[in-house]
């Protein structure tokens, strides 16, 4: 069984017992989070439920495991012949969740 969900503007495939990485901070570790916009569900029997655009009354229950940070991204700006050079960087904060159950 698996589901395709939409979280943070991205679509990802999740399975019960698996892990997913969501953008931003979703909550404290140990709390349950419900991920609502489910696009597609495939059951163990091979039955596929596709939404138009979302599957009605479907949700994914996940438990927050903790936070993680993405790779450092460097932004470099330069203006030629002026001597202007700027370097900025940031690391995005992600929330790691463990998928508990897929409910239809």
N, C-alpha and C. Protein backbone atom coordinates (compact mmCIF):
# COMPACT_ATOMS: atom_id res chain seq x y z
N UNK A 1 0.85 -1.17 0.00
CA UNK A 1 0.00 0.00 0.00
C UNK A 1 0.89 1.24 0.00
N UNK A 2 0.53 2.20 -0.82
CA UNK A 2 1.24 3.46 -0.82
C UNK A 2 0.28 4.57 -1.21
N UNK A 3 0.72 5.80 -0.96
CA UNK A 3 -0.08 6.97 -1.32
C UNK A 3 0.85 8.04 -1.86
N UNK A 4 0.31 8.87 -2.71
CA UNK A 4 1.03 10.03 -3.20
C UNK A 4 0.35 11.25 -2.60
N UNK A 5 1.13 12.02 -1.82
CA UNK A 5 0.58 13.17 -1.12
C UNK A 5 1.22 14.44 -1.66
N UNK A 6 0.58 15.56 -1.33
CA UNK A 6 1.12 16.86 -1.69
C UNK A 6 1.38 17.60 -0.39
N UNK A 7 2.65 17.95 -0.15
CA UNK A 7 3.02 18.66 1.07
C UNK A 7 4.10 19.68 0.73
N UNK A 8 3.84 20.91 1.10
CA UNK A 8 4.83 21.96 0.85
C UNK A 8 5.02 22.26 -0.62
N UNK A 9 3.99 22.05 -1.42
CA UNK A 9 4.11 22.32 -2.85
C UNK A 9 4.79 21.21 -3.63
N UNK A 10 5.14 20.12 -2.97
CA UNK A 10 5.80 18.99 -3.63
C UNK A 10 4.96 17.74 -3.47
N UNK A 11 5.10 16.85 -4.44
CA UNK A 11 4.40 15.57 -4.35
C UNK A 11 5.40 14.49 -3.98
N UNK A 12 4.99 13.59 -3.08
CA UNK A 12 5.90 12.52 -2.68
C UNK A 12 5.11 11.24 -2.42
N UNK A 13 5.80 10.14 -2.63
CA UNK A 13 5.23 8.82 -2.43
C UNK A 13 5.57 8.36 -1.02
N UNK A 14 4.54 7.94 -0.25
CA UNK A 14 4.76 7.50 1.12
C UNK A 14 4.15 6.12 1.31
N UNK A 15 4.78 5.34 2.18
CA UNK A 15 4.29 4.02 2.54
C UNK A 15 4.23 3.92 4.06
N UNK A 16 3.32 3.11 4.62
CA UNK A 16 3.28 2.95 6.08
C UNK A 16 4.60 2.37 6.60
N UNK A 17 5.12 2.99 7.64
CA UNK A 17 6.40 2.58 8.20
C UNK A 17 7.58 3.30 7.58
N UNK A 18 7.36 4.03 6.51
CA UNK A 18 8.44 4.76 5.85
C UNK A 18 8.60 6.16 6.41
N UNK A 19 9.56 6.88 5.87
CA UNK A 19 9.85 8.23 6.33
C UNK A 19 9.65 9.21 5.18
N UNK A 20 9.33 10.45 5.54
CA UNK A 20 9.18 11.53 4.56
C UNK A 20 9.78 12.79 5.16
N UNK A 21 10.21 13.67 4.28
CA UNK A 21 10.81 14.93 4.70
C UNK A 21 9.90 16.06 4.23
N UNK A 22 9.37 16.83 5.17
CA UNK A 22 8.49 17.94 4.87
C UNK A 22 9.23 19.25 5.04
N UNK A 23 8.83 20.25 4.28
CA UNK A 23 9.47 21.56 4.41
C UNK A 23 8.94 22.28 5.64
N UNK A 24 9.81 23.03 6.29
CA UNK A 24 9.42 23.83 7.44
C UNK A 24 9.31 23.00 8.70
N UNK A 25 8.87 23.64 9.77
CA UNK A 25 8.71 22.97 11.06
C UNK A 25 7.25 22.57 11.22
N UNK A 26 6.99 21.28 11.38
CA UNK A 26 5.61 20.77 11.46
C UNK A 26 5.13 20.58 12.89
N UNK A 27 6.03 20.54 13.86
CA UNK A 27 5.60 20.35 15.25
C UNK A 27 6.71 19.76 16.09
N UNK A 28 6.38 19.52 17.35
CA UNK A 28 7.33 18.95 18.30
C UNK A 28 7.51 17.45 18.03
N UNK A 29 8.68 16.90 18.32
CA UNK A 29 8.89 15.46 18.14
C UNK A 29 7.92 14.64 18.98
N UNK A 30 7.33 13.61 18.36
CA UNK A 30 6.38 12.74 19.04
C UNK A 30 4.93 13.09 18.78
N UNK A 31 4.65 14.25 18.21
CA UNK A 31 3.27 14.63 17.94
C UNK A 31 2.81 14.04 16.62
N UNK A 32 1.50 13.79 16.52
CA UNK A 32 0.93 13.26 15.29
C UNK A 32 0.53 14.39 14.36
N UNK A 33 0.80 14.19 13.09
CA UNK A 33 0.47 15.17 12.07
C UNK A 33 -0.39 14.48 11.02
N UNK A 34 -1.44 15.15 10.58
CA UNK A 34 -2.31 14.62 9.53
C UNK A 34 -1.99 15.34 8.23
N UNK A 35 -1.64 14.58 7.21
CA UNK A 35 -1.33 15.14 5.89
C UNK A 35 -2.57 14.93 5.02
N UNK A 36 -3.21 16.00 4.65
CA UNK A 36 -4.53 15.92 4.01
C UNK A 36 -4.54 15.77 2.49
N UNK A 37 -3.89 16.60 1.71
CA UNK A 37 -4.10 16.48 0.26
C UNK A 37 -3.48 15.20 -0.29
N UNK A 38 -4.30 14.15 -0.43
CA UNK A 38 -3.86 12.87 -0.98
C UNK A 38 -4.30 12.81 -2.44
N UNK A 39 -3.34 12.58 -3.33
CA UNK A 39 -3.63 12.58 -4.76
C UNK A 39 -3.99 11.20 -5.28
N UNK A 40 -3.37 10.15 -4.72
CA UNK A 40 -3.58 8.80 -5.23
C UNK A 40 -3.29 7.80 -4.12
N UNK A 41 -4.05 6.71 -4.09
CA UNK A 41 -3.83 5.63 -3.14
C UNK A 41 -3.84 4.32 -3.91
N UNK A 42 -2.87 3.47 -3.61
CA UNK A 42 -2.82 2.13 -4.21
C UNK A 42 -2.87 1.14 -3.06
N UNK A 43 -3.90 0.30 -3.03
CA UNK A 43 -4.07 -0.66 -1.94
C UNK A 43 -3.28 -1.93 -2.24
N UNK A 44 -3.23 -2.83 -1.24
CA UNK A 44 -2.48 -4.07 -1.39
C UNK A 44 -3.07 -4.99 -2.45
N UNK A 45 -4.38 -4.90 -2.66
CA UNK A 45 -5.02 -5.75 -3.67
C UNK A 45 -4.73 -5.29 -5.09
N UNK A 46 -4.10 -4.15 -5.24
CA UNK A 46 -3.82 -3.61 -6.56
C UNK A 46 -4.83 -2.56 -6.99
N UNK A 47 -5.81 -2.29 -6.15
CA UNK A 47 -6.83 -1.30 -6.47
C UNK A 47 -6.22 0.10 -6.35
N UNK A 48 -6.43 0.91 -7.37
CA UNK A 48 -5.90 2.27 -7.39
C UNK A 48 -7.07 3.25 -7.28
N UNK A 49 -6.96 4.17 -6.32
CA UNK A 49 -7.96 5.21 -6.13
C UNK A 49 -7.28 6.52 -6.49
N UNK A 50 -7.72 7.14 -7.57
CA UNK A 50 -7.14 8.41 -8.00
C UNK A 50 -8.14 9.53 -7.73
N UNK A 51 -7.63 10.65 -7.29
CA UNK A 51 -8.48 11.79 -7.00
C UNK A 51 -8.57 12.74 -8.18
N UNK A 52 -9.57 13.61 -8.12
CA UNK A 52 -9.71 14.60 -9.17
C UNK A 52 -9.99 15.95 -8.54
N UNK A 53 -9.05 16.70 -8.03
CA UNK A 53 -7.62 16.44 -7.94
C UNK A 53 -7.20 15.67 -6.70
N UNK A 54 -8.05 15.63 -5.64
CA UNK A 54 -7.67 14.94 -4.41
C UNK A 54 -8.67 13.82 -4.11
N UNK A 55 -8.21 12.79 -3.38
CA UNK A 55 -9.07 11.69 -2.97
C UNK A 55 -9.90 12.17 -1.78
N UNK A 56 -11.22 12.01 -1.88
CA UNK A 56 -12.12 12.48 -0.83
C UNK A 56 -11.97 11.61 0.42
N UNK A 57 -11.97 12.24 1.59
CA UNK A 57 -11.91 11.58 2.90
C UNK A 57 -10.68 10.70 3.07
N UNK A 58 -9.59 11.03 2.43
CA UNK A 58 -8.35 10.27 2.59
C UNK A 58 -7.33 11.14 3.30
N UNK A 59 -6.56 10.51 4.19
CA UNK A 59 -5.52 11.25 4.90
C UNK A 59 -4.40 10.30 5.30
N UNK A 60 -3.26 10.88 5.56
CA UNK A 60 -2.09 10.12 5.98
C UNK A 60 -1.72 10.60 7.38
N UNK A 61 -1.59 9.67 8.31
CA UNK A 61 -1.23 10.00 9.69
C UNK A 61 0.26 9.73 9.85
N UNK A 62 0.97 10.75 10.36
CA UNK A 62 2.41 10.64 10.53
C UNK A 62 2.81 11.12 11.91
N UNK A 63 3.97 10.67 12.39
CA UNK A 63 4.50 11.08 13.69
C UNK A 63 5.80 11.84 13.42
N UNK A 64 5.93 13.01 14.05
CA UNK A 64 7.11 13.84 13.87
C UNK A 64 8.29 13.19 14.57
N UNK A 65 9.37 12.95 13.84
CA UNK A 65 10.57 12.35 14.40
C UNK A 65 11.57 13.41 14.85
N UNK A 66 11.63 14.52 14.14
CA UNK A 66 12.57 15.58 14.50
C UNK A 66 12.84 16.48 13.31
N UNK A 67 13.78 17.39 13.49
CA UNK A 67 14.13 18.31 12.43
C UNK A 67 15.45 17.91 11.79
N UNK A 68 15.60 18.28 10.54
CA UNK A 68 16.84 18.07 9.82
C UNK A 68 17.10 19.32 8.99
N UNK A 69 18.33 19.52 8.60
CA UNK A 69 18.67 20.67 7.79
C UNK A 69 19.22 20.20 6.46
N UNK A 70 18.86 20.91 5.44
CA UNK A 70 19.30 20.57 4.09
C UNK A 70 20.73 21.01 3.86
N UNK A 71 21.21 20.82 2.65
CA UNK A 71 22.58 21.23 2.34
C UNK A 71 22.70 22.75 2.30
N UNK A 72 23.90 23.24 2.55
CA UNK A 72 24.13 24.67 2.52
C UNK A 72 24.11 25.15 1.08
N UNK A 73 23.34 26.19 0.84
CA UNK A 73 23.24 26.77 -0.49
C UNK A 73 23.92 28.13 -0.45
N UNK A 74 24.86 28.34 -1.35
CA UNK A 74 25.57 29.61 -1.41
C UNK A 74 25.04 30.45 -2.55
N UNK A 75 24.81 31.71 -2.28
CA UNK A 75 24.35 32.66 -3.28
C UNK A 75 25.47 33.68 -3.45
N UNK A 76 26.02 33.76 -4.65
CA UNK A 76 27.14 34.65 -4.91
C UNK A 76 26.72 35.69 -5.93
N UNK A 77 26.91 36.97 -5.60
CA UNK A 77 26.57 38.06 -6.51
C UNK A 77 27.83 38.86 -6.81
N UNK A 78 27.94 39.27 -8.05
CA UNK A 78 29.12 40.02 -8.46
C UNK A 78 28.71 41.00 -9.56
N UNK A 79 29.26 42.21 -9.46
CA UNK A 79 29.10 43.17 -10.54
C UNK A 79 30.47 43.40 -11.16
N UNK A 80 30.56 43.18 -12.42
CA UNK A 80 31.86 43.26 -13.06
C UNK A 80 32.37 44.70 -13.09
N UNK A 81 33.66 44.82 -12.99
CA UNK A 81 34.40 46.08 -13.04
C UNK A 81 34.06 47.04 -11.89
N UNK A 82 33.35 46.60 -10.90
CA UNK A 82 32.99 47.47 -9.77
C UNK A 82 33.64 47.02 -8.47
N UNK A 83 34.11 45.81 -8.43
CA UNK A 83 34.70 45.28 -7.20
C UNK A 83 33.65 44.82 -6.19
N UNK A 84 32.40 44.71 -6.60
CA UNK A 84 31.32 44.31 -5.69
C UNK A 84 31.16 42.79 -5.73
N UNK A 85 31.36 42.16 -4.59
CA UNK A 85 31.17 40.72 -4.46
C UNK A 85 30.47 40.45 -3.14
N UNK A 86 29.38 39.67 -3.19
CA UNK A 86 28.63 39.32 -1.98
C UNK A 86 28.39 37.83 -1.97
N UNK A 87 28.61 37.22 -0.83
CA UNK A 87 28.31 35.80 -0.67
C UNK A 87 27.35 35.65 0.50
N UNK A 88 26.21 35.02 0.23
CA UNK A 88 25.26 34.71 1.28
C UNK A 88 24.96 33.22 1.20
N UNK A 89 24.51 32.66 2.29
CA UNK A 89 24.16 31.26 2.28
C UNK A 89 23.08 30.97 3.30
N UNK A 90 22.41 29.86 3.10
CA UNK A 90 21.41 29.44 4.07
C UNK A 90 21.24 27.93 3.97
N UNK A 91 20.67 27.37 5.03
CA UNK A 91 20.31 25.96 5.06
C UNK A 91 18.84 25.86 5.41
N UNK A 92 18.08 25.17 4.58
CA UNK A 92 16.65 25.03 4.80
C UNK A 92 16.40 24.06 5.96
N UNK A 93 15.32 24.31 6.71
CA UNK A 93 14.93 23.45 7.83
C UNK A 93 13.82 22.52 7.34
N UNK A 94 14.01 21.22 7.53
CA UNK A 94 13.03 20.22 7.15
C UNK A 94 12.57 19.48 8.39
N UNK A 95 11.38 18.89 8.30
CA UNK A 95 10.84 18.07 9.38
C UNK A 95 10.78 16.63 8.88
N UNK A 96 11.39 15.73 9.63
CA UNK A 96 11.37 14.30 9.28
C UNK A 96 10.20 13.65 10.00
N UNK A 97 9.33 12.99 9.23
CA UNK A 97 8.16 12.33 9.82
C UNK A 97 8.16 10.86 9.44
N UNK A 98 7.62 10.05 10.35
CA UNK A 98 7.45 8.61 10.10
C UNK A 98 5.98 8.38 9.79
N UNK A 99 5.71 7.72 8.67
CA UNK A 99 4.34 7.49 8.24
C UNK A 99 3.76 6.35 9.07
N UNK A 100 2.66 6.64 9.76
CA UNK A 100 2.05 5.66 10.65
C UNK A 100 0.97 4.86 9.92
N UNK A 101 0.08 5.55 9.21
CA UNK A 101 -1.04 4.86 8.60
C UNK A 101 -1.59 5.70 7.45
N UNK A 102 -2.20 5.01 6.49
CA UNK A 102 -2.90 5.65 5.38
C UNK A 102 -4.37 5.29 5.52
N UNK A 103 -5.21 6.30 5.72
CA UNK A 103 -6.64 6.08 5.95
C UNK A 103 -7.45 6.56 4.75
N UNK A 104 -8.44 5.73 4.36
CA UNK A 104 -9.30 6.08 3.24
C UNK A 104 -10.70 6.32 3.75
